[in-house]
Amino acid sequence: MENRKVVFNTNQEHLANLVKDQLSNAGIDVLMLDKHDSISEVVGGFELHVLEADVEKATQIVNEHNS
């Protein structure tokens, strides 16, 4: 997946979208993956992936959101 790294994961879609928007607004290209099992919505979650070059900046934004 073109040298992308996971910088955030959660089971809550609204929270994943909120953080995705914050990263996008900072100029970071974000890919959100829904990792839920197709049979059970309980298994899995949402992951936000960014390019390796943006990991440090994205991690800083995620940490600010979580504090």
PDB file of N, CA and C in Angstrom:
ATOM      1  N   MET A   1       0.850  -1.194   0.000  1.00  0.00           N
ATOM      2  CA  MET A   1       0.000   0.000   0.000  1.00  0.00           C
ATOM      3  C   MET A   1       0.886   1.245   0.000  1.00  0.00           C
ATOM      4  N   GLU A   2       1.618   1.454  -1.042  1.00  0.00           N
ATOM      5  CA  GLU A   2       2.487   2.592  -1.306  1.00  0.00           C
ATOM      6  C   GLU A   2       3.132   3.231  -0.079  1.00  0.00           C
ATOM      7  N   ASN A   3       3.807   2.408   0.742  1.00  0.00           N
ATOM      8  CA  ASN A   3       4.573   2.888   1.898  1.00  0.00           C
ATOM      9  C   ASN A   3       3.742   3.710   2.869  1.00  0.00           C
ATOM     10  N   ARG A   4       2.601   3.208   3.238  1.00  0.00           N
ATOM     11  CA  ARG A   4       1.742   3.870   4.222  1.00  0.00           C
ATOM     12  C   ARG A   4       1.861   3.178   5.572  1.00  0.00           C
ATOM     13  N   LYS A   5       1.636   3.943   6.618  1.00  0.00           N
ATOM     14  CA  LYS A   5       1.692   3.428   7.983  1.00  0.00           C
ATOM     15  C   LYS A   5       0.400   3.794   8.710  1.00  0.00           C
ATOM     16  N   VAL A   6      -0.010   2.929   9.625  1.00  0.00           N
ATOM     17  CA  VAL A   6      -1.184   3.204  10.451  1.00  0.00           C
ATOM     18  C   VAL A   6      -0.792   4.205  11.530  1.00  0.00           C
ATOM     19  N   VAL A   7      -1.567   5.293  11.644  1.00  0.00           N
ATOM     20  CA  VAL A   7      -1.296   6.289  12.683  1.00  0.00           C
ATOM     21  C   VAL A   7      -2.431   6.388  13.691  1.00  0.00           C
ATOM     22  N   PHE A   8      -3.562   5.742  13.381  1.00  0.00           N
ATOM     23  CA  PHE A   8      -4.702   5.814  14.295  1.00  0.00           C
ATOM     24  C   PHE A   8      -5.633   4.651  14.005  1.00  0.00           C
ATOM     25  N   ASN A   9      -6.201   4.069  15.069  1.00  0.00           N
ATOM     26  CA  ASN A   9      -7.243   3.066  14.886  1.00  0.00           C
ATOM     27  C   ASN A   9      -8.249   3.168  16.016  1.00  0.00           C
ATOM     28  N   THR A  10      -9.481   2.829  15.687  1.00  0.00           N
ATOM     29  CA  THR A  10     -10.577   2.923  16.636  1.00  0.00           C
ATOM     30  C   THR A  10     -11.719   2.037  16.157  1.00  0.00           C
ATOM     31  N   ASN A  11     -12.625   1.715  17.052  1.00  0.00           N
ATOM     32  CA  ASN A  11     -13.832   0.984  16.679  1.00  0.00           C
ATOM     33  C   ASN A  11     -14.981   1.923  16.368  1.00  0.00           C
ATOM     34  N   GLN A  12     -14.772   3.224  16.560  1.00  0.00           N
ATOM     35  CA  GLN A  12     -15.836   4.209  16.389  1.00  0.00           C
ATOM     36  C   GLN A  12     -15.645   4.979  15.085  1.00  0.00           C
ATOM     37  N   GLU A  13     -16.582   4.794  14.157  1.00  0.00           N
ATOM     38  CA  GLU A  13     -16.460   5.414  12.840  1.00  0.00           C
ATOM     39  C   GLU A  13     -16.444   6.934  12.915  1.00  0.00           C
ATOM     40  N   HIS A  14     -17.285   7.516  13.780  1.00  0.00           N
ATOM     41  CA  HIS A  14     -17.332   8.977  13.865  1.00  0.00           C
ATOM     42  C   HIS A  14     -15.999   9.548  14.355  1.00  0.00           C
ATOM     43  N   LEU A  15     -15.346   8.849  15.256  1.00  0.00           N
ATOM     44  CA  LEU A  15     -14.046   9.294  15.761  1.00  0.00           C
ATOM     45  C   LEU A  15     -12.981   9.181  14.664  1.00  0.00           C
ATOM     46  N   ALA A  16     -13.016   8.104  13.900  1.00  0.00           N
ATOM     47  CA  ALA A  16     -12.073   7.939  12.798  1.00  0.00           C
ATOM     48  C   ALA A  16     -12.262   9.055  11.768  1.00  0.00           C
ATOM     49  N   ASN A  17     -13.502   9.398  11.470  1.00  0.00           N
ATOM     50  CA  ASN A  17     -13.768  10.472  10.510  1.00  0.00           C
ATOM     51  C   ASN A  17     -13.309  11.827  11.034  1.00  0.00           C
ATOM     52  N   LEU A  18     -13.476  12.061  12.326  1.00  0.00           N
ATOM     53  CA  LEU A  18     -13.039  13.320  12.934  1.00  0.00           C
ATOM     54  C   LEU A  18     -11.527  13.481  12.810  1.00  0.00           C
ATOM     55  N   VAL A  19     -10.794  12.445  13.169  1.00  0.00           N
ATOM     56  CA  VAL A  19      -9.328  12.498  13.090  1.00  0.00           C
ATOM     57  C   VAL A  19      -8.887  12.565  11.626  1.00  0.00           C
ATOM     58  N   LYS A  20      -9.555  11.830  10.752  1.00  0.00           N
ATOM     59  CA  LYS A  20      -9.242  11.881   9.313  1.00  0.00           C
ATOM     60  C   LYS A  20      -9.387  13.302   8.781  1.00  0.00           C
ATOM     61  N   ASP A  21     -10.457  13.979   9.174  1.00  0.00           N
ATOM     62  CA  ASP A  21     -10.667  15.360   8.740  1.00  0.00           C
ATOM     63  C   ASP A  21      -9.567  16.279   9.251  1.00  0.00           C
ATOM     64  N   GLN A  22      -9.136  16.085  10.495  1.00  0.00           N
ATOM     65  CA  GLN A  22      -8.072  16.918  11.047  1.00  0.00           C
ATOM     66  C   GLN A  22      -6.766  16.716  10.281  1.00  0.00           C
ATOM     67  N   LEU A  23      -6.471  15.471   9.949  1.00  0.00           N
ATOM     68  CA  LEU A  23      -5.257  15.188   9.187  1.00  0.00           C
ATOM     69  C   LEU A  23      -5.356  15.767   7.780  1.00  0.00           C
ATOM     70  N   SER A  24      -6.494  15.598   7.150  1.00  0.00           N
ATOM     71  CA  SER A  24      -6.691  16.142   5.801  1.00  0.00           C
ATOM     72  C   SER A  24      -6.574  17.651   5.789  1.00  0.00           C
ATOM     73  N   ASN A  25      -7.148  18.308   6.803  1.00  0.00           N
ATOM     74  CA  ASN A  25      -7.073  19.768   6.899  1.00  0.00           C
ATOM     75  C   ASN A  25      -5.640  20.263   7.085  1.00  0.00           C
ATOM     76  N   ALA A  26      -4.769  19.389   7.598  1.00  0.00           N
ATOM     77  CA  ALA A  26      -3.355  19.736   7.773  1.00  0.00           C
ATOM     78  C   ALA A  26      -2.553  19.422   6.516  1.00  0.00           C
ATOM     79  N   GLY A  27      -3.234  18.999   5.456  1.00  0.00           N
ATOM     80  CA  GLY A  27      -2.559  18.728   4.199  1.00  0.00           C
ATOM     81  C   GLY A  27      -1.980  17.328   4.076  1.00  0.00           C
ATOM     82  N   ILE A  28      -2.436  16.431   4.943  1.00  0.00           N
ATOM     83  CA  ILE A  28      -1.930  15.062   4.935  1.00  0.00           C
ATOM     84  C   ILE A  28      -2.902  14.169   4.168  1.00  0.00           C
ATOM     85  N   ASP A  29      -2.368  13.377   3.247  1.00  0.00           N
ATOM     86  CA  ASP A  29      -3.164  12.418   2.480  1.00  0.00           C
ATOM     87  C   ASP A  29      -3.473  11.227   3.387  1.00  0.00           C
ATOM     88  N   VAL A  30      -4.760  10.980   3.641  1.00  0.00           N
ATOM     89  CA  VAL A  30      -5.177   9.953   4.594  1.00  0.00           C
ATOM     90  C   VAL A  30      -6.052   8.918   3.889  1.00  0.00           C
ATOM     91  N   LEU A  31      -5.799   7.663   4.206  1.00  0.00           N
ATOM     92  CA  LEU A  31      -6.615   6.572   3.713  1.00  0.00           C
ATOM     93  C   LEU A  31      -7.265   5.908   4.922  1.00  0.00           C
ATOM     94  N   MET A  32      -8.599   5.837   4.949  1.00  0.00           N
ATOM     95  CA  MET A  32      -9.296   5.188   6.056  1.00  0.00           C
ATOM     96  C   MET A  32      -9.778   3.823   5.595  1.00  0.00           C
ATOM     97  N   LEU A  33      -9.401   2.791   6.337  1.00  0.00           N
ATOM     98  CA  LEU A  33      -9.821   1.434   6.029  1.00  0.00           C
ATOM     99  C   LEU A  33     -10.783   0.932   7.092  1.00  0.00           C
ATOM    100  N   ASP A  34     -11.866   0.322   6.644  1.00  0.00           N
ATOM    101  CA  ASP A  34     -12.828  -0.322   7.531  1.00  0.00           C
ATOM    102  C   ASP A  34     -12.425  -1.779   7.628  1.00  0.00           C
ATOM    103  N   LYS A  35     -11.902  -2.172   8.772  1.00  0.00           N
ATOM    104  CA  LYS A  35     -11.390  -3.519   8.961  1.00  0.00           C
ATOM    105  C   LYS A  35     -12.405  -4.456   9.604  1.00  0.00           C
ATOM    106  N   HIS A  36     -13.668  -4.036   9.649  1.00  0.00           N
ATOM    107  CA  HIS A  36     -14.702  -4.890  10.237  1.00  0.00           C
ATOM    108  C   HIS A  36     -14.889  -6.153   9.414  1.00  0.00           C
ATOM    109  N   ASP A  37     -15.151  -7.228  10.098  1.00  0.00           N
ATOM    110  CA  ASP A  37     -15.468  -8.497   9.456  1.00  0.00           C
ATOM    111  C   ASP A  37     -16.795  -8.351   8.723  1.00  0.00           C
ATOM    112  N   SER A  38     -16.901  -8.891   7.541  1.00  0.00           N
ATOM    113  CA  SER A  38     -18.135  -8.746   6.761  1.00  0.00           C
ATOM    114  C   SER A  38     -19.319  -9.465   7.393  1.00  0.00           C
ATOM    115  N   ILE A  39     -19.053 -10.430   8.257  1.00  0.00           N
ATOM    116  CA  ILE A  39     -20.135 -11.165   8.914  1.00  0.00           C
ATOM    117  C   ILE A  39     -20.538 -10.495  10.223  1.00  0.00           C
ATOM    118  N   SER A  40     -19.570 -10.003  10.955  1.00  0.00           N
ATOM    119  CA  SER A  40     -19.830  -9.428  12.272  1.00  0.00           C
ATOM    120  C   SER A  40     -19.260  -8.019  12.363  1.00  0.00           C
ATOM    121  N   GLU A  41     -20.092  -7.043  12.615  1.00  0.00           N
ATOM    122  CA  GLU A  41     -19.636  -5.655  12.771  1.00  0.00           C
ATOM    123  C   GLU A  41     -18.851  -5.452  14.066  1.00  0.00           C
ATOM    124  N   VAL A  42     -18.788  -6.474  14.926  1.00  0.00           N
ATOM    125  CA  VAL A  42     -18.094  -6.358  16.204  1.00  0.00           C
ATOM    126  C   VAL A  42     -16.593  -6.552  16.035  1.00  0.00           C
ATOM    127  N   VAL A  43     -16.192  -7.387  15.105  1.00  0.00           N
ATOM    128  CA  VAL A  43     -14.785  -7.711  14.908  1.00  0.00           C
ATOM    129  C   VAL A  43     -14.165  -6.718  13.930  1.00  0.00           C
ATOM    130  N   GLY A  44     -13.069  -6.081  14.332  1.00  0.00           N
ATOM    131  CA  GLY A  44     -12.366  -5.144  13.454  1.00  0.00           C
ATOM    132  C   GLY A  44     -12.445  -3.723  13.960  1.00  0.00           C
ATOM    133  N   GLY A  45     -12.231  -2.781  13.072  1.00  0.00           N
ATOM    134  CA  GLY A  45     -12.258  -1.373  13.430  1.00  0.00           C
ATOM    135  C   GLY A  45     -11.877  -0.534  12.224  1.00  0.00           C
ATOM    136  N   PHE A  46     -11.582   0.721  12.486  1.00  0.00           N
ATOM    137  CA  PHE A  46     -11.205   1.655  11.432  1.00  0.00           C
ATOM    138  C   PHE A  46      -9.752   2.051  11.629  1.00  0.00           C
ATOM    139  N   GLU A  47      -8.991   2.026  10.549  1.00  0.00           N
ATOM    140  CA  GLU A  47      -7.585   2.407  10.591  1.00  0.00           C
ATOM    141  C   GLU A  47      -7.346   3.596   9.671  1.00  0.00           C
ATOM    142  N   LEU A  48      -6.521   4.536  10.136  1.00  0.00           N
ATOM    143  CA  LEU A  48      -6.100   5.654   9.306  1.00  0.00           C
ATOM    144  C   LEU A  48      -4.643   5.437   8.918  1.00  0.00           C
ATOM    145  N   HIS A  49      -4.393   5.448   7.605  1.00  0.00           N
ATOM    146  CA  HIS A  49      -3.056   5.238   7.060  1.00  0.00           C
ATOM    147  C   HIS A  49      -2.579   6.516   6.386  1.00  0.00           C
ATOM    148  N   VAL A  50      -1.314   6.860   6.602  1.00  0.00           N
ATOM    149  CA  VAL A  50      -0.702   8.021   5.939  1.00  0.00           C
ATOM    150  C   VAL A  50       0.613   7.577   5.308  1.00  0.00           C
ATOM    151  N   LEU A  51       1.100   8.384   4.375  1.00  0.00           N
ATOM    152  CA  LEU A  51       2.394   8.101   3.761  1.00  0.00           C
ATOM    153  C   LEU A  51       3.499   8.188   4.816  1.00  0.00           C
ATOM    154  N   GLU A  52       4.540   7.390   4.636  1.00  0.00           N
ATOM    155  CA  GLU A  52       5.651   7.385   5.602  1.00  0.00           C
ATOM    156  C   GLU A  52       6.205   8.779   5.845  1.00  0.00           C
ATOM    157  N   ALA A  53       6.246   9.603   4.825  1.00  0.00           N
ATOM    158  CA  ALA A  53       6.787  10.958   4.956  1.00  0.00           C
ATOM    159  C   ALA A  53       5.947  11.823   5.887  1.00  0.00           C
ATOM    160  N   ASP A  54       4.690  11.463   6.095  1.00  0.00           N
ATOM    161  CA  ASP A  54       3.780  12.259   6.931  1.00  0.00           C
ATOM    162  C   ASP A  54       3.540  11.669   8.314  1.00  0.00           C
ATOM    163  N   VAL A  55       4.188  10.556   8.626  1.00  0.00           N
ATOM    164  CA  VAL A  55       3.915   9.863   9.889  1.00  0.00           C
ATOM    165  C   VAL A  55       4.168  10.750  11.102  1.00  0.00           C
ATOM    166  N   GLU A  56       5.293  11.445  11.140  1.00  0.00           N
ATOM    167  CA  GLU A  56       5.639  12.266  12.300  1.00  0.00           C
ATOM    168  C   GLU A  56       4.603  13.374  12.517  1.00  0.00           C
ATOM    169  N   LYS A  57       4.273  14.096  11.466  1.00  0.00           N
ATOM    170  CA  LYS A  57       3.292  15.177  11.561  1.00  0.00           C
ATOM    171  C   LYS A  57       1.917  14.623  11.935  1.00  0.00           C
ATOM    172  N   ALA A  58       1.528  13.509  11.321  1.00  0.00           N
ATOM    173  CA  ALA A  58       0.226  12.905  11.599  1.00  0.00           C
ATOM    174  C   ALA A  58       0.150  12.408  13.047  1.00  0.00           C
ATOM    175  N   THR A  59       1.220  11.806  13.531  1.00  0.00           N
ATOM    176  CA  THR A  59       1.254  11.314  14.901  1.00  0.00           C
ATOM    177  C   THR A  59       1.096  12.461  15.888  1.00  0.00           C
ATOM    178  N   GLN A  60       1.729  13.577  15.602  1.00  0.00           N
ATOM    179  CA  GLN A  60       1.619  14.761  16.459  1.00  0.00           C
ATOM    180  C   GLN A  60       0.168  15.238  16.516  1.00  0.00           C
ATOM    181  N   ILE A  61      -0.513  15.281  15.374  1.00  0.00           N
ATOM    182  CA  ILE A  61      -1.906  15.723  15.327  1.00  0.00           C
ATOM    183  C   ILE A  61      -2.798  14.733  16.074  1.00  0.00           C
ATOM    184  N   VAL A  62      -2.575  13.450  15.884  1.00  0.00           N
ATOM    185  CA  VAL A  62      -3.364  12.425  16.589  1.00  0.00           C
ATOM    186  C   VAL A  62      -3.154  12.547  18.093  1.00  0.00           C
ATOM    187  N   ASN A  63      -1.911  12.745  18.536  1.00  0.00           N
ATOM    188  CA  ASN A  63      -1.632  12.885  19.961  1.00  0.00           C
ATOM    189  C   ASN A  63      -2.300  14.127  20.546  1.00  0.00           C
ATOM    190  N   GLU A  64      -2.326  15.218  19.795  1.00  0.00           N
ATOM    191  CA  GLU A  64      -3.003  16.427  20.257  1.00  0.00           C
ATOM    192  C   GLU A  64      -4.507  16.181  20.392  1.00  0.00           C
ATOM    193  N   HIS A  65      -5.055  15.416  19.475  1.00  0.00           N
ATOM    194  CA  HIS A  65      -6.489  15.098  19.525  1.00  0.00           C
ATOM    195  C   HIS A  65      -6.812  14.238  20.747  1.00  0.00           C
ATOM    196  N   ASN A  66      -5.911  13.331  21.101  1.00  0.00           N
ATOM    197  CA  ASN A  66      -6.152  12.408  22.211  1.00  0.00           C
ATOM    198  C   ASN A  66      -5.873  13.013  23.578  1.00  0.00           C
ATOM    199  N   SER A  67      -5.282  14.194  23.623  1.00  0.00           N
ATOM    200  CA  SER A  67      -4.966  14.782  24.945  1.00  0.00           C
ATOM    201  C   SER A  67      -6.061  15.666  25.460  1.00  0.00           C
TER     202      SER A  67
END
